[in-house]
PDB file of N, CA and C in Angstrom:
ATOM      1  N   UNK A   1     304.554  94.593   9.029  1.00  0.00           N
ATOM      2  CA  UNK A   1     304.369  93.999   8.406  1.00  0.00           C
ATOM      3  C   UNK A   1     303.500  95.663   7.563  1.00  0.00           C
ATOM      4  N   UNK A   2     303.369  95.810   6.277  1.00  0.00           N
ATOM      5  CA  UNK A   2     302.607  97.237   6.022  1.00  0.00           C
ATOM      6  C   UNK A   2     301.305  96.596   5.780  1.00  0.00           C
ATOM      7  N   UNK A   3     300.447  97.793   6.082  1.00  0.00           N
ATOM      8  CA  UNK A   3     299.154  97.760   5.761  1.00  0.00           C
ATOM      9  C   UNK A   3     298.729  98.740   3.977  1.00  0.00           C
ATOM     10  N   UNK A   4     298.359  97.966   3.210  1.00  0.00           N
ATOM     11  CA  UNK A   4     298.109  99.049   2.323  1.00  0.00           C
ATOM     12  C   UNK A   4     296.658  99.848   2.558  1.00  0.00           C
ATOM     13  N   UNK A   5     297.237 101.106   1.871  1.00  0.00           N
ATOM     14  CA  UNK A   5     296.232 101.732   1.624  1.00  0.00           C
ATOM     15  C   UNK A   5     294.592 101.678   0.959  1.00  0.00           C
ATOM     16  N   UNK A   6     294.579 100.829   0.256  1.00  0.00           N
ATOM     17  CA  UNK A   6     293.342 100.371  -0.130  1.00  0.00           C
ATOM     18  C   UNK A   6     294.127  99.010  -0.814  1.00  0.00           C
ATOM     19  N   UNK A   7     292.978  98.216  -0.634  1.00  0.00           N
ATOM     20  CA  UNK A   7     292.755  96.921  -1.115  1.00  0.00           C
ATOM     21  C   UNK A   7     291.385  96.464  -1.351  1.00  0.00           C
ATOM     22  N   UNK A   8     291.685  96.032  -3.099  1.00  0.00           N
ATOM     23  CA  UNK A   8     290.180  95.617  -3.751  1.00  0.00           C
ATOM     24  C   UNK A   8     289.901  93.635  -3.345  1.00  0.00           C
ATOM     25  N   UNK A   9     289.031  93.284  -2.949  1.00  0.00           N
ATOM     26  CA  UNK A   9     288.626  92.180  -2.341  1.00  0.00           C
ATOM     27  C   UNK A   9     287.485  91.839  -3.443  1.00  0.00           C
ATOM     28  N   UNK A  10     287.301  90.597  -3.765  1.00  0.00           N
ATOM     29  CA  UNK A  10     286.424  89.990  -4.365  1.00  0.00           C
ATOM     30  C   UNK A  10     285.233  90.237  -3.060  1.00  0.00           C
ATOM     31  N   UNK A  11     284.044  90.514  -3.580  1.00  0.00           N
ATOM     32  CA  UNK A  11     282.588  90.781  -2.491  1.00  0.00           C
ATOM     33  C   UNK A  11     282.149  89.394  -2.020  1.00  0.00           C
ATOM     34  N   UNK A  12     282.233  89.038  -0.960  1.00  0.00           N
ATOM     35  CA  UNK A  12     281.541  87.830  -0.106  1.00  0.00           C
ATOM     36  C   UNK A  12     280.638  88.422   0.592  1.00  0.00           C
ATOM     37  N   UNK A  13     279.304  87.649   0.268  1.00  0.00           N
ATOM     38  CA  UNK A  13     278.103  87.359   1.254  1.00  0.00           C
ATOM     39  C   UNK A  13     278.466  86.940   2.865  1.00  0.00           C
ATOM     40  N   UNK A  14     277.565  87.385   3.415  1.00  0.00           N
ATOM     41  CA  UNK A  14     277.759  86.715   5.041  1.00  0.00           C
ATOM     42  C   UNK A  14     277.388  85.487   4.743  1.00  0.00           C
ATOM     43  N   UNK A  15     277.043  84.626   3.900  1.00  0.00           N
ATOM     44  CA  UNK A  15     276.734  83.308   4.220  1.00  0.00           C
ATOM     45  C   UNK A  15     277.978  82.915   3.561  1.00  0.00           C
ATOM     46  N   UNK A  16     279.137  83.237   3.421  1.00  0.00           N
ATOM     47  CA  UNK A  16     280.291  82.840   2.852  1.00  0.00           C
ATOM     48  C   UNK A  16     281.358  82.633   4.057  1.00  0.00           C
ATOM     49  N   UNK A  17     280.718  83.395   5.321  1.00  0.00           N
ATOM     50  CA  UNK A  17     282.039  84.037   6.199  1.00  0.00           C
ATOM     51  C   UNK A  17     281.624  83.005   7.508  1.00  0.00           C
ATOM     52  N   UNK A  18     283.287  82.250   6.961  1.00  0.00           N
ATOM     53  CA  UNK A  18     283.633  80.964   8.157  1.00  0.00           C
ATOM     54  C   UNK A  18     284.099  80.909   9.461  1.00  0.00           C
ATOM     55  N   UNK A  19     284.193  82.234   9.694  1.00  0.00           N
ATOM     56  CA  UNK A  19     284.868  82.678  11.229  1.00  0.00           C
ATOM     57  C   UNK A  19     285.004  84.210  11.406  1.00  0.00           C
ATOM     58  N   UNK A  20     284.488  85.112  12.257  1.00  0.00           N
ATOM     59  CA  UNK A  20     284.943  86.219  12.023  1.00  0.00           C
ATOM     60  C   UNK A  20     285.049  86.559  13.956  1.00  0.00           C
ATOM     61  N   UNK A  21     286.433  87.231  13.884  1.00  0.00           N
ATOM     62  CA  UNK A  21     287.332  87.739  15.317  1.00  0.00           C
ATOM     63  C   UNK A  21     286.873  88.743  15.511  1.00  0.00           C
ATOM     64  N   UNK A  22     286.354  89.435  16.540  1.00  0.00           N
ATOM     65  CA  UNK A  22     286.586  91.131  16.834  1.00  0.00           C
ATOM     66  C   UNK A  22     287.448  91.094  18.435  1.00  0.00           C
ATOM     67  N   UNK A  23     288.378  91.541  18.300  1.00  0.00           N
ATOM     68  CA  UNK A  23     289.114  92.347  19.489  1.00  0.00           C
ATOM     69  C   UNK A  23     289.693  93.919  19.810  1.00  0.00           C
ATOM     70  N   UNK A  24     288.879  94.348  20.141  1.00  0.00           N
ATOM     71  CA  UNK A  24     288.456  95.945  20.472  1.00  0.00           C
ATOM     72  C   UNK A  24     287.853  96.215  18.970  1.00  0.00           C
ATOM     73  N   UNK A  25     289.156  97.345  18.447  1.00  0.00           N
ATOM     74  CA  UNK A  25     288.777  97.552  17.146  1.00  0.00           C
ATOM     75  C   UNK A  25     289.041  96.566  15.734  1.00  0.00           C
ATOM     76  N   UNK A  26     289.935  95.851  16.101  1.00  0.00           N
ATOM     77  CA  UNK A  26     290.314  94.973  15.391  1.00  0.00           C
ATOM     78  C   UNK A  26     289.130  94.050  14.960  1.00  0.00           C
ATOM     79  N   UNK A  27     288.831  93.815  13.672  1.00  0.00           N
ATOM     80  CA  UNK A  27     287.871  92.542  13.138  1.00  0.00           C
ATOM     81  C   UNK A  27     288.903  91.869  12.211  1.00  0.00           C
ATOM     82  N   UNK A  28     288.877  90.689  12.301  1.00  0.00           N
ATOM     83  CA  UNK A  28     289.413  89.645  11.546  1.00  0.00           C
ATOM     84  C   UNK A  28     288.681  88.279  10.462  1.00  0.00           C
ATOM     85  N   UNK A  29     287.735  88.645   9.472  1.00  0.00           N
ATOM     86  CA  UNK A  29     286.993  87.700   8.669  1.00  0.00           C
ATOM     87  C   UNK A  29     287.742  86.749   8.132  1.00  0.00           C
ATOM     88  N   UNK A  30     287.579  84.922   8.194  1.00  0.00           N
ATOM     89  CA  UNK A  30     287.983  83.988   7.276  1.00  0.00           C
ATOM     90  C   UNK A  30     286.607  84.179   6.497  1.00  0.00           C
ATOM     91  N   UNK A  31     287.202  83.795   5.213  1.00  0.00           N
ATOM     92  CA  UNK A  31     286.333  83.154   3.761  1.00  0.00           C
ATOM     93  C   UNK A  31     286.902  81.568   4.165  1.00  0.00           C
ATOM     94  N   UNK A  32     287.779  81.541   4.075  1.00  0.00           N
ATOM     95  CA  UNK A  32     287.998  80.055   4.147  1.00  0.00           C
ATOM     96  C   UNK A  32     289.097  79.240   4.714  1.00  0.00           C
ATOM     97  N   UNK A  33     289.071  78.233   5.501  1.00  0.00           N
ATOM     98  CA  UNK A  33     289.113  77.575   6.426  1.00  0.00           C
ATOM     99  C   UNK A  33     291.185  77.563   5.643  1.00  0.00           C
ATOM    100  N   UNK A  34     291.859  77.826   7.164  1.00  0.00           N
ATOM    101  CA  UNK A  34     293.172  77.730   7.122  1.00  0.00           C
ATOM    102  C   UNK A  34     293.357  76.590   8.341  1.00  0.00           C
ATOM    103  N   UNK A  35     294.941  76.460   8.291  1.00  0.00           N
ATOM    104  CA  UNK A  35     295.202  75.253   9.064  1.00  0.00           C
ATOM    105  C   UNK A  35     296.315  76.267  10.125  1.00  0.00           C
ATOM    106  N   UNK A  36     295.685  75.296  11.414  1.00  0.00           N
ATOM    107  CA  UNK A  36     295.704  75.761  12.510  1.00  0.00           C
ATOM    108  C   UNK A  36     296.796  76.811  13.025  1.00  0.00           C
ATOM    109  N   UNK A  37     298.128  76.213  12.293  1.00  0.00           N
ATOM    110  CA  UNK A  37     299.623  77.182  12.727  1.00  0.00           C
ATOM    111  C   UNK A  37     299.412  78.435  12.202  1.00  0.00           C
ATOM    112  N   UNK A  38     298.587  78.506  10.981  1.00  0.00           N
ATOM    113  CA  UNK A  38     298.305  80.177  10.524  1.00  0.00           C
ATOM    114  C   UNK A  38     297.932  80.819  11.103  1.00  0.00           C
ATOM    115  N   UNK A  39     296.387  80.348  11.340  1.00  0.00           N
ATOM    116  CA  UNK A  39     295.331  81.052  12.221  1.00  0.00           C
ATOM    117  C   UNK A  39     295.834  81.205  13.646  1.00  0.00           C
ATOM    118  N   UNK A  40     296.811  80.651  13.898  1.00  0.00           N
ATOM    119  CA  UNK A  40     297.613  81.282  15.553  1.00  0.00           C
ATOM    120  C   UNK A  40     298.737  82.077  15.477  1.00  0.00           C
ATOM    121  N   UNK A  41     299.034  82.197  13.988  1.00  0.00           N
ATOM    122  CA  UNK A  41     300.113  82.549  13.549  1.00  0.00           C
ATOM    123  C   UNK A  41     299.566  84.184  13.242  1.00  0.00           C
ATOM    124  N   UNK A  42     298.295  84.217  12.607  1.00  0.00           N
ATOM    125  CA  UNK A  42     297.772  85.508  12.183  1.00  0.00           C
ATOM    126  C   UNK A  42     296.935  86.145  13.700  1.00  0.00           C
ATOM    127  N   UNK A  43     296.300  85.245  14.842  1.00  0.00           N
ATOM    128  CA  UNK A  43     295.753  85.651  15.822  1.00  0.00           C
ATOM    129  C   UNK A  43     297.070  86.359  16.845  1.00  0.00           C
ATOM    130  N   UNK A  44     297.985  85.928  16.818  1.00  0.00           N
ATOM    131  CA  UNK A  44     299.482  86.101  17.586  1.00  0.00           C
ATOM    132  C   UNK A  44     299.737  87.825  16.940  1.00  0.00           C
ATOM    133  N   UNK A  45     299.532  87.923  15.782  1.00  0.00           N
ATOM    134  CA  UNK A  45     299.787  89.860  15.390  1.00  0.00           C
ATOM    135  C   UNK A  45     298.795  90.304  15.779  1.00  0.00           C
ATOM    136  N   UNK A  46     297.644  89.910  15.053  1.00  0.00           N
ATOM    137  CA  UNK A  46     296.748  90.670  15.654  1.00  0.00           C
ATOM    138  C   UNK A  46     296.855  91.038  17.399  1.00  0.00           C
ATOM    139  N   UNK A  47     296.741  90.272  18.025  1.00  0.00           N
ATOM    140  CA  UNK A  47     297.135  90.786  19.785  1.00  0.00           C
ATOM    141  C   UNK A  47     297.735  91.264  19.439  1.00  0.00           C
ATOM    142  N   UNK A  48     299.134  90.861  18.880  1.00  0.00           N
ATOM    143  CA  UNK A  48     300.118  92.380  19.440  1.00  0.00           C
ATOM    144  C   UNK A  48     300.186  93.510  19.112  1.00  0.00           C
ATOM    145  N   UNK A  49     299.509  93.590  17.972  1.00  0.00           N
ATOM    146  CA  UNK A  49     299.427  94.818  17.558  1.00  0.00           C
ATOM    147  C   UNK A  49     298.182  95.842  17.938  1.00  0.00           C
ATOM    148  N   UNK A  50     297.440  94.907  18.164  1.00  0.00           N
ATOM    149  CA  UNK A  50     296.154  95.778  19.314  1.00  0.00           C
ATOM    150  C   UNK A  50     296.609  95.615  20.498  1.00  0.00           C
ATOM    151  N   UNK A  51     297.669  95.040  21.292  1.00  0.00           N
ATOM    152  CA  UNK A  51     298.252  95.727  22.806  1.00  0.00           C
ATOM    153  C   UNK A  51     300.069  94.962  22.795  1.00  0.00           C
ATOM    154  N   UNK A  52     300.250  96.327  22.302  1.00  0.00           N
ATOM    155  CA  UNK A  52     301.814  95.771  22.201  1.00  0.00           C
ATOM    156  C   UNK A  52     302.633  96.011  23.155  1.00  0.00           C
ATOM    157  N   UNK A  53     302.096  96.233  24.174  1.00  0.00           N
ATOM    158  CA  UNK A  53     302.743  96.693  25.700  1.00  0.00           C
ATOM    159  C   UNK A  53     303.060  95.008  26.397  1.00  0.00           C
ATOM    160  N   UNK A  54     302.093  93.813  25.669  1.00  0.00           N
ATOM    161  CA  UNK A  54     302.912  92.450  26.332  1.00  0.00           C
ATOM    162  C   UNK A  54     303.910  91.947  25.638  1.00  0.00           C
TER     163      UNK A  54
END
């Protein structure tokens, strides 16, 4: 997975946040609902990159 140096997103307000997950230094914010399988895939990748020794 490559991380772009900069990426412009449409500005969202705090009231638009559906879910926010913070794992150590990594924070993932969802503004739209996604299906369970995609959510689990994203969280698995975040957890792996946060702690690759597992």
